[in-house]
Amino acid sequence: PLMLEKLQGRKSFMQENSISYPCGNKVFTFKDVENQLKLIIN
């Protein structure tokens, strides 16, 4: 997906079942929850 292509090469922070990418003043977190990929934007 285009969103993931834009995130390639950026620093990421890996946690159990999730990965986070900082972008400006927001953090995009992708989580694996019950066989679904959820996006959380903080």
N, C-alpha and C. Protein backbone atom coordinates (compact mmCIF):
# COMPACT_ATOMS: atom_id res chain seq x y z
N PRO A 1 0.83 -1.20 0.00
CA PRO A 1 0.00 0.00 0.00
C PRO A 1 0.87 1.26 0.00
N LEU A 2 0.33 2.32 -0.54
CA LEU A 2 1.05 3.58 -0.65
C LEU A 2 1.52 4.08 0.71
N MET A 3 0.70 3.94 1.75
CA MET A 3 1.08 4.39 3.10
C MET A 3 2.35 3.70 3.56
N LEU A 4 2.44 2.40 3.36
CA LEU A 4 3.62 1.66 3.79
C LEU A 4 4.83 2.01 2.95
N GLU A 5 4.65 2.29 1.66
CA GLU A 5 5.76 2.70 0.81
C GLU A 5 6.36 4.01 1.31
N LYS A 6 5.53 4.94 1.75
CA LYS A 6 6.01 6.22 2.26
C LYS A 6 6.80 6.05 3.55
N LEU A 7 6.51 4.99 4.31
CA LEU A 7 7.18 4.77 5.58
C LEU A 7 8.49 4.00 5.45
N GLN A 8 8.76 3.42 4.28
CA GLN A 8 9.97 2.65 4.09
C GLN A 8 11.19 3.54 4.30
N GLY A 9 12.20 3.00 4.99
CA GLY A 9 13.43 3.73 5.21
C GLY A 9 13.40 4.65 6.42
N ARG A 10 12.27 4.80 7.07
CA ARG A 10 12.18 5.65 8.27
C ARG A 10 12.54 4.82 9.50
N LYS A 11 12.90 5.53 10.56
CA LYS A 11 13.16 4.84 11.81
C LYS A 11 11.85 4.30 12.36
N SER A 12 11.88 3.12 12.89
CA SER A 12 10.67 2.53 13.46
C SER A 12 11.00 1.93 14.82
N PHE A 13 9.97 1.80 15.63
CA PHE A 13 10.11 1.25 16.96
C PHE A 13 9.25 -0.01 17.03
N MET A 14 9.88 -1.15 17.24
CA MET A 14 9.17 -2.43 17.23
C MET A 14 8.83 -2.85 18.65
N GLN A 15 7.58 -3.19 18.88
CA GLN A 15 7.13 -3.75 20.14
C GLN A 15 6.43 -5.06 19.80
N GLU A 16 6.11 -5.82 20.81
CA GLU A 16 5.44 -7.10 20.57
C GLU A 16 4.13 -6.89 19.82
N ASN A 17 4.00 -7.53 18.66
CA ASN A 17 2.79 -7.47 17.83
C ASN A 17 2.45 -6.07 17.32
N SER A 18 3.41 -5.14 17.32
CA SER A 18 3.13 -3.81 16.79
C SER A 18 4.41 -3.17 16.28
N ILE A 19 4.24 -2.17 15.42
CA ILE A 19 5.37 -1.39 14.93
C ILE A 19 4.90 0.06 14.82
N SER A 20 5.76 0.99 15.23
CA SER A 20 5.39 2.41 15.26
C SER A 20 6.36 3.22 14.41
N TYR A 21 5.81 4.21 13.71
CA TYR A 21 6.59 5.12 12.88
C TYR A 21 6.26 6.55 13.27
N PRO A 22 7.26 7.33 13.72
CA PRO A 22 7.01 8.75 13.97
C PRO A 22 6.96 9.51 12.66
N CYS A 23 6.07 10.47 12.56
CA CYS A 23 5.95 11.31 11.37
C CYS A 23 5.47 12.69 11.83
N GLY A 24 6.38 13.66 11.82
CA GLY A 24 6.03 14.98 12.32
C GLY A 24 5.70 14.88 13.80
N ASN A 25 4.55 15.40 14.18
CA ASN A 25 4.15 15.35 15.59
C ASN A 25 3.20 14.19 15.88
N LYS A 26 3.11 13.24 14.97
CA LYS A 26 2.23 12.08 15.15
C LYS A 26 3.04 10.79 15.16
N VAL A 27 2.47 9.76 15.76
CA VAL A 27 3.07 8.42 15.74
C VAL A 27 2.03 7.47 15.18
N PHE A 28 2.38 6.78 14.10
CA PHE A 28 1.50 5.80 13.46
C PHE A 28 1.90 4.42 14.00
N THR A 29 0.97 3.74 14.64
CA THR A 29 1.24 2.42 15.21
C THR A 29 0.34 1.39 14.54
N PHE A 30 0.97 0.37 13.98
CA PHE A 30 0.25 -0.75 13.38
C PHE A 30 0.30 -1.90 14.37
N LYS A 31 -0.87 -2.43 14.77
CA LYS A 31 -0.94 -3.51 15.75
C LYS A 31 -1.67 -4.71 15.16
N ASP A 32 -1.16 -5.89 15.50
CA ASP A 32 -1.82 -7.15 15.14
C ASP A 32 -2.71 -7.54 16.31
N VAL A 33 -4.03 -7.40 16.12
CA VAL A 33 -5.00 -7.68 17.18
C VAL A 33 -6.01 -8.69 16.64
N GLU A 34 -6.01 -9.88 17.20
CA GLU A 34 -6.95 -10.93 16.81
C GLU A 34 -7.01 -11.13 15.30
N ASN A 35 -5.85 -11.31 14.68
CA ASN A 35 -5.73 -11.54 13.23
C ASN A 35 -6.19 -10.36 12.39
N GLN A 36 -6.20 -9.16 12.95
CA GLN A 36 -6.51 -7.95 12.19
C GLN A 36 -5.39 -6.95 12.40
N LEU A 37 -5.10 -6.18 11.38
CA LEU A 37 -4.11 -5.12 11.48
C LEU A 37 -4.84 -3.82 11.77
N LYS A 38 -4.53 -3.20 12.91
CA LYS A 38 -5.17 -1.95 13.29
C LYS A 38 -4.16 -0.83 13.25
N LEU A 39 -4.60 0.33 12.78
CA LEU A 39 -3.76 1.53 12.74
C LEU A 39 -4.24 2.48 13.83
N ILE A 40 -3.29 2.89 14.67
CA ILE A 40 -3.58 3.86 15.73
C ILE A 40 -2.69 5.07 15.47
N ILE A 41 -3.30 6.25 15.43
CA ILE A 41 -2.55 7.49 15.20
C ILE A 41 -2.61 8.32 16.47
N ASN A 42 -1.44 8.62 17.02
CA ASN A 42 -1.35 9.44 18.23
C ASN A 42 -0.65 10.73 17.92
